[in-house]
Amino acid sequence: MNPAAAGGRVGARWAEVERTLRGSLGECAFVVSQRRGDIPALVQRALDGGAETLLSLGGDGTHGEVLGGLMAARGGASSRARFGVLHAGTGGDFARMLVAGAGASLEVSARALLDAESAAIDVGSIDYVGDDGARASRYFLNLASVGVSGRVARLVNGSRKRLGGRLTFFLATLRALWGYEPARVRLTIDGEDVGEHAIATVTVCNGRFAGGGMMFAPNARLADGLLDVVLIRPSSLLRAALDSRALYRGTHVHSPRVACWRGREIVIEPVGREPALVDVDGESPGRAPAHFRAHPGAVELLGARREFL
């Protein structure tokens, strides 16, 4: 579990959280993350100790780190461990595709996972340039993107997150768009050059939702072996605000300002002077150039709703 999740409220209420989880799940072992980046090693330690099911309690960034640990263990017997998500973050976007849903209480979510079946789902990866200038890589469970979304992630993570997921992300999006100079990128999908584009954002999706319920990729599925690519072109701040309703409904894909593709390997290269920040499951660790890949059936996920597989 990540005690810093939900603006620190998970750690502050830990005694209550632990009682709830033990009451819902029965006997289980708790492992606490002390700092960003330590979770993959904790996952490996749990797997080495014989753990067969790992539940991640935190936000999308926490789930991504647990996923990273599981992917690092692939190929051994420990890689057969099942993975479950208990949402305690700001947006809860991946949880929208689970049997309990994003709005469910911790008790309901835990009980749902206890009885849930598992399914082999795809995982995405991204290679990018870190803030320190070095090449870096991450796995992502839900989605990753390039463009103004990276600024949004930095604003959200720098806030106190007290307004709830939808309003926090909406206000951060408006702030990020104010004065945003669109990046220009070249996009390649499965080896095919699909041109240069000025972008608000390019989102590479394994799941459907981001930003507190925005349905970026309404047709994305977790187990089809492909990543959905959604490019949103720049517009005025007013136009972007008016278009936000379509994003929540998933109808934005019909707009002339939006283009969509699907593929297994996506490359985004900046061709202008403006930096193109990346966002990986709600974290913004660097910038493009970025190389995305799909890893079909890479992890056993508990409780995915069938309509999203």
Protein backbone atom coordinates (compact mmCIF):
# COMPACT_ATOMS: atom_id res chain seq x y z
CA MET A 1 0.00 0.00 0.00
CA ASN A 2 1.01 3.59 -0.68
CA PRO A 3 0.45 5.76 2.43
CA ALA A 4 0.78 8.92 0.29
CA ALA A 5 -2.22 7.96 -1.88
CA ALA A 6 -5.28 10.23 -1.90
CA GLY A 7 -3.23 13.17 -0.65
CA GLY A 8 -1.90 11.19 2.33
CA ARG A 9 -5.30 10.09 3.59
CA VAL A 10 -4.49 6.38 3.18
CA GLY A 11 -1.58 6.64 5.61
CA ALA A 12 -3.48 8.88 8.01
CA ARG A 13 -6.35 6.37 8.25
CA TRP A 14 -4.23 3.24 8.05
CA ALA A 15 -5.59 1.54 11.20
CA GLU A 16 -9.11 1.82 9.81
CA VAL A 17 -7.99 0.72 6.34
CA GLU A 18 -6.24 -2.36 7.73
CA ARG A 19 -9.28 -3.39 9.78
CA THR A 20 -11.50 -3.04 6.71
CA LEU A 21 -9.19 -5.12 4.53
CA ARG A 22 -8.70 -7.89 7.06
CA GLY A 23 -12.47 -8.02 7.59
CA SER A 24 -13.07 -8.27 3.83
CA LEU A 25 -10.16 -10.46 2.74
CA GLY A 26 -9.28 -12.53 5.79
CA GLU A 27 -5.65 -13.03 6.69
CA CYS A 28 -3.23 -11.17 4.44
CA ALA A 29 0.21 -9.57 4.62
CA PHE A 30 0.64 -5.80 4.25
CA VAL A 31 3.69 -4.24 2.65
CA VAL A 32 4.10 -0.47 2.89
CA SER A 33 5.86 1.63 0.26
CA GLN A 34 8.25 4.11 1.86
CA ARG A 35 9.18 6.14 -1.21
CA ARG A 36 8.52 6.42 -4.93
CA GLY A 37 10.25 3.68 -6.92
CA ASP A 38 10.60 1.10 -4.13
CA ILE A 39 7.52 -0.97 -5.02
CA PRO A 40 9.03 -3.26 -7.71
CA ALA A 41 11.59 -4.55 -5.19
CA LEU A 42 8.82 -5.10 -2.63
CA VAL A 43 6.85 -7.05 -5.24
CA GLN A 44 9.84 -9.26 -6.00
CA ARG A 45 10.33 -9.93 -2.28
CA ALA A 46 6.67 -10.93 -1.94
CA LEU A 47 6.89 -13.23 -4.94
CA ASP A 48 10.09 -14.82 -3.61
CA GLY A 49 8.19 -15.44 -0.37
CA GLY A 50 5.52 -17.43 -2.21
CA ALA A 51 2.79 -14.81 -2.68
CA GLU A 52 0.22 -15.94 -5.26
CA THR A 53 -1.99 -12.84 -5.25
CA LEU A 54 -0.86 -9.22 -4.99
CA LEU A 55 -3.29 -6.38 -4.39
CA SER A 56 -2.23 -2.78 -5.01
CA LEU A 57 -3.75 -0.13 -2.72
CA GLY A 58 -3.16 3.36 -4.07
CA GLY A 59 -3.59 5.42 -7.20
CA ASP A 60 -2.74 4.63 -10.81
CA GLY A 61 0.93 5.43 -10.20
CA THR A 62 1.09 2.84 -7.41
CA HIS A 63 -0.61 0.24 -9.58
CA GLY A 64 1.92 0.98 -12.33
CA GLU A 65 4.84 0.31 -9.96
CA VAL A 66 3.32 -3.00 -8.83
CA LEU A 67 2.85 -3.87 -12.48
CA GLY A 68 6.51 -3.05 -13.10
CA GLY A 69 7.52 -5.53 -10.42
CA LEU A 70 5.32 -8.24 -11.89
CA MET A 71 6.66 -7.65 -15.39
CA ALA A 72 10.25 -7.83 -14.12
CA ALA A 73 9.42 -11.26 -12.68
CA ARG A 74 7.98 -12.64 -15.94
CA GLY A 75 9.42 -15.98 -17.04
CA GLY A 76 9.66 -17.56 -13.59
CA ALA A 77 7.10 -19.46 -11.58
CA SER A 78 6.40 -16.30 -9.56
CA SER A 79 5.12 -14.52 -12.68
CA ARG A 80 1.90 -16.54 -12.45
CA ALA A 81 0.79 -14.42 -9.48
CA ARG A 82 -2.57 -12.72 -9.85
CA PHE A 83 -2.83 -8.92 -9.67
CA GLY A 84 -5.68 -6.94 -8.12
CA VAL A 85 -6.34 -3.20 -7.92
CA LEU A 86 -7.82 -1.46 -4.87
CA HIS A 87 -8.35 2.16 -5.82
CA ALA A 88 -7.30 4.86 -3.35
CA GLY A 89 -6.08 7.62 -5.66
CA THR A 90 -7.46 10.74 -7.30
CA GLY A 91 -8.89 9.67 -10.65
CA GLY A 92 -9.62 5.97 -10.22
CA ASP A 93 -9.76 5.56 -13.96
CA PHE A 94 -8.54 1.99 -14.24
CA ALA A 95 -10.96 0.94 -11.49
CA ARG A 96 -13.85 1.96 -13.77
CA MET A 97 -13.18 -1.23 -15.74
CA LEU A 98 -13.35 -3.52 -12.69
CA VAL A 99 -16.32 -5.39 -11.26
CA ALA A 100 -16.70 -3.12 -8.22
CA GLY A 101 -16.26 0.14 -10.15
CA ALA A 102 -14.46 3.37 -9.26
CA GLY A 103 -17.06 4.65 -6.82
CA ALA A 104 -17.21 1.52 -4.65
CA SER A 105 -16.05 1.58 -1.05
CA LEU A 106 -12.82 -0.12 -0.07
CA GLU A 107 -14.78 -2.90 1.63
CA VAL A 108 -16.95 -3.56 -1.44
CA SER A 109 -13.92 -3.47 -3.76
CA ALA A 110 -11.97 -5.91 -1.61
CA ARG A 111 -14.87 -8.36 -1.33
CA ALA A 112 -15.38 -8.18 -5.10
CA LEU A 113 -11.75 -9.14 -5.68
CA LEU A 114 -11.97 -12.00 -3.20
CA ASP A 115 -14.55 -13.75 -5.38
CA ALA A 116 -13.36 -12.47 -8.77
CA GLU A 117 -11.99 -14.50 -11.65
CA SER A 118 -8.72 -13.52 -13.28
CA ALA A 119 -8.04 -12.90 -16.96
CA ALA A 120 -4.81 -12.45 -18.90
CA ILE A 121 -4.70 -8.81 -20.02
CA ASP A 122 -2.31 -6.76 -22.12
CA VAL A 123 0.26 -4.37 -20.71
CA GLY A 124 1.80 -1.35 -22.40
CA SER A 125 5.36 -0.08 -22.13
CA ILE A 126 6.93 3.26 -22.94
CA ASP A 127 10.56 4.24 -23.52
CA TYR A 128 11.14 7.99 -23.10
CA VAL A 129 13.63 10.64 -22.01
CA GLY A 130 13.56 11.25 -18.27
CA ASP A 131 13.68 14.66 -16.64
CA ASP A 132 17.38 14.05 -16.01
CA GLY A 133 18.02 13.62 -19.75
CA ALA A 134 18.66 9.86 -19.57
CA ARG A 135 16.63 7.23 -21.40
CA ALA A 136 14.07 5.52 -19.18
CA SER A 137 11.21 3.06 -19.50
CA ARG A 138 8.03 2.09 -17.67
CA TYR A 139 5.14 -0.30 -18.03
CA PHE A 140 1.59 1.01 -17.92
CA LEU A 141 -1.65 -0.69 -17.04
CA ASN A 142 -4.10 1.91 -18.27
CA LEU A 143 -2.61 4.46 -20.69
CA ALA A 144 0.28 6.76 -21.47
CA SER A 145 0.36 9.95 -23.49
CA VAL A 146 2.40 12.81 -24.90
CA GLY A 147 1.44 16.49 -24.90
CA VAL A 148 -0.53 18.75 -22.60
CA SER A 149 -1.54 15.70 -20.53
CA GLY A 150 1.99 15.68 -19.09
CA ARG A 151 1.44 19.21 -17.79
CA VAL A 152 -1.94 18.16 -16.39
CA ALA A 153 -0.34 15.25 -14.49
CA ARG A 154 2.27 17.55 -12.97
CA LEU A 155 -0.36 20.04 -11.86
CA VAL A 156 -2.57 17.33 -10.35
CA ASN A 157 0.30 15.69 -8.49
CA GLY A 158 1.42 19.07 -7.17
CA SER A 159 -2.04 19.85 -5.80
CA ARG A 160 -3.68 18.75 -2.55
CA LYS A 161 -6.33 16.76 -4.49
CA ARG A 162 -9.17 17.72 -2.15
CA LEU A 163 -11.76 18.45 -4.85
CA GLY A 164 -12.27 14.85 -6.00
CA GLY A 165 -11.05 13.23 -9.18
CA ARG A 166 -13.24 14.81 -11.84
CA LEU A 167 -13.01 18.43 -10.68
CA THR A 168 -9.29 18.17 -9.84
CA PHE A 169 -8.47 16.91 -13.34
CA PHE A 170 -10.84 19.32 -15.08
CA LEU A 171 -9.35 22.39 -13.39
CA ALA A 172 -5.81 21.13 -13.96
CA THR A 173 -6.62 20.62 -17.65
CA LEU A 174 -7.83 24.20 -18.00
CA ARG A 175 -4.71 25.50 -16.24
CA ALA A 176 -2.44 23.36 -18.43
CA LEU A 177 -4.14 24.55 -21.63
CA TRP A 178 -3.77 28.21 -20.65
CA GLY A 179 -0.74 29.42 -22.54
CA TYR A 180 0.06 25.94 -23.88
CA GLU A 181 2.19 26.04 -27.02
CA PRO A 182 1.29 22.92 -29.03
CA ALA A 183 4.09 20.45 -29.58
CA ARG A 184 4.65 19.18 -33.10
CA VAL A 185 5.42 15.48 -33.47
CA ARG A 186 5.94 12.76 -36.05
CA LEU A 187 3.82 9.66 -35.45
CA THR A 188 4.71 6.14 -36.61
CA ILE A 189 2.40 3.16 -36.02
CA ASP A 190 3.59 -0.41 -36.67
CA GLY A 191 6.32 0.95 -38.94
CA GLU A 192 4.01 3.18 -40.99
CA ASP A 193 4.64 6.92 -40.99
CA VAL A 194 1.29 8.63 -40.37
CA GLY A 195 2.67 12.14 -40.62
CA GLU A 196 3.60 15.21 -38.64
CA HIS A 197 0.95 16.73 -36.37
CA ALA A 198 0.52 19.68 -34.05
CA ILE A 199 -1.00 18.13 -30.94
CA ALA A 200 -2.85 18.93 -27.79
CA THR A 201 -2.20 15.33 -26.81
CA VAL A 202 -1.60 11.86 -28.24
CA THR A 203 -2.93 9.17 -25.92
CA VAL A 204 -1.83 5.53 -26.25
CA CYS A 205 -4.47 3.45 -24.51
CA ASN A 206 -4.72 -0.02 -23.07
CA GLY A 207 -7.76 1.03 -21.00
CA ARG A 208 -10.51 3.49 -21.86
CA PHE A 209 -10.58 6.15 -19.14
CA ALA A 210 -8.31 8.91 -17.85
CA GLY A 211 -8.53 12.28 -16.13
CA GLY A 212 -11.26 11.39 -13.66
CA GLY A 213 -13.64 9.68 -16.07
CA MET A 214 -12.79 11.05 -19.51
CA MET A 215 -13.34 8.22 -22.00
CA PHE A 216 -10.31 8.85 -24.20
CA ALA A 217 -10.50 5.51 -26.02
CA PRO A 218 -14.12 4.28 -26.04
CA ASN A 219 -13.25 1.18 -28.07
CA ALA A 220 -10.11 0.09 -26.19
CA ARG A 221 -10.05 -3.45 -24.80
CA LEU A 222 -7.68 -4.91 -22.25
CA ALA A 223 -7.09 -8.25 -23.96
CA ASP A 224 -7.03 -7.60 -27.72
CA GLY A 225 -3.24 -7.36 -28.08
CA LEU A 226 -3.44 -3.78 -29.40
CA LEU A 227 -3.07 -0.22 -28.13
CA ASP A 228 -5.57 2.44 -29.20
CA VAL A 229 -4.00 5.72 -30.33
CA VAL A 230 -6.07 8.90 -29.98
CA LEU A 231 -4.67 12.20 -31.29
CA ILE A 232 -6.40 15.43 -30.25
CA ARG A 233 -5.40 18.51 -32.22
CA PRO A 234 -4.96 21.93 -30.58
CA SER A 235 -7.91 24.27 -30.14
CA SER A 236 -8.76 27.39 -28.16
CA LEU A 237 -9.23 27.15 -24.40
CA LEU A 238 -12.96 27.85 -24.83
CA ARG A 239 -13.29 25.16 -27.52
CA ALA A 240 -11.44 22.66 -25.32
CA ALA A 241 -13.75 23.43 -22.40
CA LEU A 242 -16.81 22.98 -24.59
CA ASP A 243 -15.42 19.73 -25.98
CA SER A 244 -14.86 18.27 -22.50
CA ARG A 245 -18.42 16.94 -22.37
CA ALA A 246 -17.74 14.86 -25.49
CA LEU A 247 -14.58 13.47 -23.84
CA TYR A 248 -16.56 12.23 -20.86
CA ARG A 249 -19.06 10.58 -23.21
CA GLY A 250 -16.46 9.17 -25.59
CA THR A 251 -18.07 10.91 -28.57
CA HIS A 252 -15.01 13.13 -29.20
CA VAL A 253 -13.65 10.46 -31.56
CA HIS A 254 -16.15 11.69 -34.18
CA SER A 255 -14.73 15.23 -34.13
CA PRO A 256 -12.59 16.48 -37.05
CA ARG A 257 -10.06 17.59 -34.40
CA VAL A 258 -9.50 13.94 -33.39
CA ALA A 259 -7.79 11.08 -35.23
CA CYS A 260 -7.65 7.44 -34.11
CA TRP A 261 -5.51 4.40 -34.93
CA ARG A 262 -4.68 1.03 -33.38
CA GLY A 263 -1.36 -0.77 -33.28
CA ARG A 264 1.24 -2.81 -31.39
CA GLU A 265 4.15 -0.38 -31.66
CA ILE A 266 3.91 3.42 -31.67
CA VAL A 267 6.71 5.96 -31.97
CA ILE A 268 6.24 9.67 -31.20
CA GLU A 269 9.12 11.97 -32.11
CA PRO A 270 9.15 15.75 -31.52
CA VAL A 271 9.91 17.78 -34.63
CA GLY A 272 9.50 21.27 -33.19
CA ARG A 273 11.07 23.29 -30.39
CA GLU A 274 8.26 22.81 -27.89
CA PRO A 275 8.85 19.91 -25.45
CA ALA A 276 6.28 17.12 -25.48
CA LEU A 277 5.88 15.89 -21.90
CA VAL A 278 4.79 12.31 -21.27
CA ASP A 279 2.16 11.06 -18.85
CA VAL A 280 2.29 7.43 -17.69
CA ASP A 281 -0.73 6.29 -15.64
CA GLY A 282 -1.00 9.72 -14.01
CA GLU A 283 2.72 10.38 -13.53
CA SER A 284 4.85 12.68 -15.71
CA PRO A 285 8.45 11.44 -15.52
CA GLY A 286 9.88 12.94 -18.73
CA ARG A 287 9.32 13.81 -22.38
CA ALA A 288 9.31 12.51 -25.95
CA PRO A 289 10.75 10.96 -28.06
CA ALA A 290 8.66 8.06 -26.83
CA HIS A 291 8.36 4.47 -28.03
CA PHE A 292 5.26 2.49 -26.99
CA ARG A 293 4.75 -1.28 -27.22
CA ALA A 294 1.89 -3.67 -26.47
CA HIS A 295 2.65 -6.84 -24.46
CA PRO A 296 -0.31 -9.17 -25.06
CA GLY A 297 -1.66 -11.26 -22.18
CA ALA A 298 1.21 -10.22 -19.92
CA VAL A 299 -0.49 -10.20 -16.50
CA GLU A 300 -3.33 -12.03 -14.73
CA LEU A 301 -5.77 -9.35 -13.56
CA LEU A 302 -8.50 -9.97 -11.00
CA GLY A 303 -11.99 -8.64 -11.54
CA ALA A 304 -11.95 -7.09 -15.02
CA ARG A 305 -15.46 -6.57 -16.38
CA ARG A 306 -16.03 -8.74 -19.45
CA GLU A 307 -17.12 -5.85 -21.67
CA PHE A 308 -13.62 -4.37 -21.35
CA LEU A 309 -11.69 -7.54 -22.23
